Amino acid sequence: MTRFPQWAASSPTRRRQRLRTRSTGLLAVVCAVVCAVVWAVPAQAVVGGSVSRDGRWSVRLYEDGEPICTGALIAPQWVITGRGGVTGAAAAASSP
């Protein structure tokens, strides 16, 4: 007796039903993603700000030669970054 894969042993009707179910699920996911993108509201993270002029504000922080975080230069000696970019003693010192 020859062994067939499980899909070959099932009936054509059953295979079509599974394909239809998978296709319907995939279509639902695609529609949800498209709707989320089309009707997404822009984030309003900065309130009352102003557009800055072009400049060299962007900073990338490195640790042991590996990039670990990004930040913004706010003064010649100060960089503002998220807490995730600071580890160890520096993180403990900056805790509220």
N, C-alpha and C. Protein backbone atom coordinates (compact mmCIF):
# COMPACT_ATOMS: atom_id res chain seq x y z
N MET A 1 0.84 -1.17 0.00
CA MET A 1 0.00 0.00 0.00
C MET A 1 0.89 1.25 0.00
N THR A 2 0.57 2.18 -0.86
CA THR A 2 1.34 3.41 -0.97
C THR A 2 0.87 4.40 0.08
N ARG A 3 1.84 5.09 0.68
CA ARG A 3 1.48 6.10 1.68
C ARG A 3 1.32 7.44 0.99
N PHE A 4 0.24 8.12 1.30
CA PHE A 4 -0.02 9.45 0.77
C PHE A 4 0.06 10.46 1.91
N PRO A 5 0.43 11.66 1.58
CA PRO A 5 0.34 12.70 2.61
C PRO A 5 -1.11 12.85 3.05
N GLN A 6 -1.30 13.40 4.23
CA GLN A 6 -2.64 13.53 4.78
C GLN A 6 -3.57 14.32 3.85
N TRP A 7 -3.04 15.38 3.21
CA TRP A 7 -3.90 16.19 2.35
C TRP A 7 -4.36 15.41 1.13
N ALA A 8 -3.54 14.45 0.67
CA ALA A 8 -3.92 13.66 -0.50
C ALA A 8 -5.00 12.65 -0.15
N ALA A 9 -5.02 12.20 1.11
CA ALA A 9 -6.00 11.22 1.53
C ALA A 9 -7.36 11.85 1.80
N SER A 10 -7.41 13.14 2.05
CA SER A 10 -8.69 13.79 2.33
C SER A 10 -9.45 14.03 1.03
N SER A 11 -10.73 14.22 1.17
CA SER A 11 -11.57 14.40 -0.01
C SER A 11 -11.35 15.78 -0.61
N PRO A 12 -11.58 15.94 -1.92
CA PRO A 12 -11.44 17.26 -2.56
C PRO A 12 -12.35 18.31 -1.93
N THR A 13 -13.55 17.88 -1.51
CA THR A 13 -14.49 18.82 -0.89
C THR A 13 -13.92 19.36 0.41
N ARG A 14 -13.35 18.49 1.20
CA ARG A 14 -12.77 18.90 2.48
C ARG A 14 -11.58 19.84 2.27
N ARG A 15 -10.77 19.57 1.26
CA ARG A 15 -9.64 20.44 0.95
C ARG A 15 -10.13 21.82 0.54
N ARG A 16 -11.18 21.87 -0.28
CA ARG A 16 -11.74 23.16 -0.70
C ARG A 16 -12.29 23.93 0.50
N GLN A 17 -12.93 23.22 1.43
CA GLN A 17 -13.47 23.88 2.62
C GLN A 17 -12.34 24.49 3.46
N ARG A 18 -11.26 23.74 3.64
CA ARG A 18 -10.12 24.26 4.41
C ARG A 18 -9.49 25.46 3.71
N LEU A 19 -9.36 25.36 2.39
CA LEU A 19 -8.79 26.47 1.63
C LEU A 19 -9.68 27.71 1.74
N ARG A 20 -10.99 27.52 1.65
CA ARG A 20 -11.93 28.63 1.77
C ARG A 20 -11.82 29.26 3.16
N THR A 21 -11.73 28.44 4.20
CA THR A 21 -11.61 28.95 5.56
C THR A 21 -10.34 29.75 5.73
N ARG A 22 -9.22 29.23 5.23
CA ARG A 22 -7.95 29.94 5.33
C ARG A 22 -7.98 31.23 4.52
N SER A 23 -8.56 31.18 3.34
CA SER A 23 -8.64 32.37 2.49
C SER A 23 -9.50 33.44 3.15
N THR A 24 -10.60 33.03 3.76
CA THR A 24 -11.47 33.99 4.45
C THR A 24 -10.74 34.63 5.62
N GLY A 25 -10.01 33.83 6.38
CA GLY A 25 -9.24 34.37 7.51
C GLY A 25 -8.18 35.35 7.04
N LEU A 26 -7.47 35.00 5.99
CA LEU A 26 -6.44 35.88 5.44
C LEU A 26 -7.05 37.18 4.94
N LEU A 27 -8.18 37.08 4.25
CA LEU A 27 -8.86 38.27 3.75
C LEU A 27 -9.29 39.17 4.91
N ALA A 28 -9.78 38.59 5.99
CA ALA A 28 -10.20 39.37 7.16
C ALA A 28 -9.01 40.12 7.76
N VAL A 29 -7.87 39.45 7.86
CA VAL A 29 -6.67 40.10 8.42
C VAL A 29 -6.21 41.24 7.51
N VAL A 30 -6.18 41.00 6.21
CA VAL A 30 -5.76 42.04 5.27
C VAL A 30 -6.70 43.24 5.35
N CYS A 31 -8.00 43.00 5.41
CA CYS A 31 -8.97 44.09 5.52
C CYS A 31 -8.78 44.88 6.81
N ALA A 32 -8.52 44.18 7.92
CA ALA A 32 -8.30 44.86 9.20
C ALA A 32 -7.06 45.75 9.14
N VAL A 33 -5.99 45.26 8.54
CA VAL A 33 -4.76 46.04 8.44
C VAL A 33 -4.98 47.26 7.55
N VAL A 34 -5.64 47.07 6.42
CA VAL A 34 -5.90 48.19 5.51
C VAL A 34 -6.76 49.24 6.20
N CYS A 35 -7.80 48.81 6.91
CA CYS A 35 -8.66 49.76 7.62
C CYS A 35 -7.89 50.52 8.69
N ALA A 36 -7.03 49.82 9.42
CA ALA A 36 -6.24 50.47 10.47
C ALA A 36 -5.31 51.52 9.88
N VAL A 37 -4.74 51.24 8.73
CA VAL A 37 -3.82 52.19 8.10
C VAL A 37 -4.58 53.38 7.51
N VAL A 38 -5.68 53.11 6.85
CA VAL A 38 -6.43 54.17 6.17
C VAL A 38 -7.06 55.14 7.17
N TRP A 39 -7.62 54.61 8.27
CA TRP A 39 -8.33 55.46 9.21
C TRP A 39 -7.52 55.78 10.46
N ALA A 40 -6.23 55.58 10.42
CA ALA A 40 -5.39 55.89 11.58
C ALA A 40 -5.34 57.40 11.80
N VAL A 41 -5.43 57.79 13.05
CA VAL A 41 -5.36 59.21 13.41
C VAL A 41 -3.90 59.54 13.70
N PRO A 42 -3.38 60.64 13.16
CA PRO A 42 -2.00 61.01 13.44
C PRO A 42 -1.79 61.24 14.94
N ALA A 43 -0.64 60.85 15.44
CA ALA A 43 -0.32 61.04 16.85
C ALA A 43 -0.13 62.52 17.15
N GLN A 44 -0.59 62.93 18.29
CA GLN A 44 -0.46 64.32 18.72
C GLN A 44 0.42 64.37 19.97
N ALA A 45 1.64 63.82 19.87
CA ALA A 45 2.53 63.71 21.02
C ALA A 45 3.05 65.06 21.48
N VAL A 46 3.24 65.99 20.58
CA VAL A 46 3.75 67.31 20.95
C VAL A 46 2.61 68.31 20.82
N VAL A 47 2.32 69.00 21.92
CA VAL A 47 1.24 69.98 21.93
C VAL A 47 1.85 71.36 22.08
N GLY A 48 1.50 72.26 21.18
CA GLY A 48 1.98 73.63 21.27
C GLY A 48 3.43 73.81 20.85
N GLY A 49 3.98 72.85 20.14
CA GLY A 49 5.36 72.95 19.68
C GLY A 49 5.48 73.78 18.42
N SER A 50 6.67 73.89 17.93
CA SER A 50 6.90 74.60 16.68
C SER A 50 7.91 73.82 15.85
N VAL A 51 7.87 74.05 14.57
CA VAL A 51 8.78 73.37 13.65
C VAL A 51 10.18 73.93 13.86
N SER A 52 11.16 73.04 13.99
CA SER A 52 12.54 73.51 14.18
C SER A 52 13.21 73.68 12.83
N ARG A 53 14.23 74.50 12.82
CA ARG A 53 14.99 74.67 11.59
C ARG A 53 15.89 73.46 11.40
N ASP A 54 16.38 73.29 10.19
CA ASP A 54 17.28 72.18 9.92
C ASP A 54 18.54 72.32 10.77
N GLY A 55 19.04 71.19 11.22
CA GLY A 55 20.25 71.22 12.03
C GLY A 55 20.71 69.80 12.34
N ARG A 56 21.73 69.71 13.09
CA ARG A 56 22.29 68.41 13.46
C ARG A 56 21.83 68.07 14.87
N TRP A 57 20.59 67.62 14.99
CA TRP A 57 20.00 67.33 16.30
C TRP A 57 20.01 65.84 16.62
N SER A 58 20.01 65.02 15.61
CA SER A 58 19.89 63.58 15.81
C SER A 58 21.19 62.98 16.33
N VAL A 59 21.06 62.11 17.33
CA VAL A 59 22.22 61.49 17.97
C VAL A 59 22.00 59.99 18.05
N ARG A 60 23.03 59.21 17.80
CA ARG A 60 22.97 57.76 18.01
C ARG A 60 23.96 57.41 19.10
N LEU A 61 23.49 56.70 20.12
CA LEU A 61 24.35 56.32 21.24
C LEU A 61 24.89 54.91 21.01
N TYR A 62 26.16 54.72 21.33
CA TYR A 62 26.83 53.44 21.16
C TYR A 62 27.34 52.94 22.50
N GLU A 63 27.33 51.63 22.67
CA GLU A 63 27.94 50.99 23.83
C GLU A 63 28.75 49.81 23.32
N ASP A 64 30.02 49.79 23.62
CA ASP A 64 30.93 48.75 23.13
C ASP A 64 30.88 48.63 21.61
N GLY A 65 30.75 49.75 20.93
CA GLY A 65 30.74 49.77 19.47
C GLY A 65 29.42 49.39 18.83
N GLU A 66 28.40 49.08 19.64
CA GLU A 66 27.09 48.69 19.12
C GLU A 66 26.09 49.82 19.37
N PRO A 67 25.25 50.14 18.36
CA PRO A 67 24.24 51.18 18.59
C PRO A 67 23.20 50.67 19.59
N ILE A 68 22.88 51.49 20.60
CA ILE A 68 21.92 51.06 21.62
C ILE A 68 20.68 51.94 21.67
N CYS A 69 20.79 53.18 21.21
CA CYS A 69 19.66 54.09 21.36
C CYS A 69 19.88 55.33 20.49
N THR A 70 18.81 56.07 20.30
CA THR A 70 18.92 57.36 19.62
C THR A 70 18.46 58.46 20.57
N GLY A 71 18.80 59.67 20.24
CA GLY A 71 18.40 60.79 21.07
C GLY A 71 18.45 62.07 20.28
N ALA A 72 18.24 63.17 20.98
CA ALA A 72 18.27 64.49 20.35
C ALA A 72 19.20 65.39 21.15
N LEU A 73 20.05 66.11 20.46
CA LEU A 73 20.98 67.05 21.08
C LEU A 73 20.19 68.29 21.48
N ILE A 74 20.15 68.59 22.79
CA ILE A 74 19.38 69.75 23.26
C ILE A 74 20.28 70.88 23.73
N ALA A 75 21.56 70.61 23.89
CA ALA A 75 22.58 71.61 24.23
C ALA A 75 23.91 71.01 23.82
N PRO A 76 24.97 71.80 23.74
CA PRO A 76 26.25 71.24 23.29
C PRO A 76 26.71 70.01 24.07
N GLN A 77 26.36 69.90 25.36
CA GLN A 77 26.81 68.77 26.16
C GLN A 77 25.67 67.87 26.63
N TRP A 78 24.42 68.12 26.18
CA TRP A 78 23.27 67.35 26.66
C TRP A 78 22.52 66.68 25.53
N VAL A 79 22.20 65.38 25.75
CA VAL A 79 21.40 64.58 24.83
C VAL A 79 20.20 64.07 25.60
N ILE A 80 19.01 64.22 25.02
CA ILE A 80 17.81 63.67 25.64
C ILE A 80 17.46 62.38 24.90
N THR A 81 17.13 61.34 25.68
CA THR A 81 16.83 60.04 25.10
C THR A 81 15.80 59.34 25.98
N GLY A 82 15.26 58.26 25.49
CA GLY A 82 14.35 57.46 26.29
C GLY A 82 15.12 56.68 27.35
N ARG A 83 14.43 56.23 28.36
CA ARG A 83 15.07 55.49 29.44
C ARG A 83 15.72 54.20 28.95
N GLY A 84 15.19 53.61 27.91
CA GLY A 84 15.75 52.38 27.37
C GLY A 84 17.17 52.53 26.86
N GLY A 85 17.59 53.75 26.58
CA GLY A 85 18.93 53.99 26.08
C GLY A 85 19.97 54.13 27.18
N VAL A 86 19.53 54.07 28.44
CA VAL A 86 20.45 54.25 29.55
C VAL A 86 20.43 52.99 30.41
N THR A 87 21.62 52.47 30.75
CA THR A 87 21.69 51.26 31.56
C THR A 87 22.64 51.45 32.74
N GLY A 88 22.62 50.52 33.64
CA GLY A 88 23.58 50.49 34.74
C GLY A 88 23.46 51.66 35.69
N ALA A 89 24.61 52.20 36.12
CA ALA A 89 24.66 53.27 37.11
C ALA A 89 23.96 54.53 36.61
N ALA A 90 24.07 54.81 35.32
CA ALA A 90 23.42 56.00 34.76
C ALA A 90 21.91 55.89 34.90
N ALA A 91 21.35 54.69 34.70
CA ALA A 91 19.91 54.49 34.83
C ALA A 91 19.48 54.67 36.28
N ALA A 92 20.26 54.16 37.22
CA ALA A 92 19.94 54.30 38.64
C ALA A 92 19.98 55.76 39.06
N ALA A 93 20.94 56.51 38.55
CA ALA A 93 21.07 57.93 38.89
C ALA A 93 19.94 58.76 38.33
N SER A 94 19.34 58.32 37.21
CA SER A 94 18.29 59.10 36.58
C SER A 94 16.90 58.70 37.03
N SER A 95 16.78 57.70 37.91
CA SER A 95 15.46 57.26 38.38
C SER A 95 14.81 58.35 39.21
N PRO A 96 13.47 58.50 39.08
CA PRO A 96 12.77 59.55 39.84
C PRO A 96 12.74 59.25 41.33
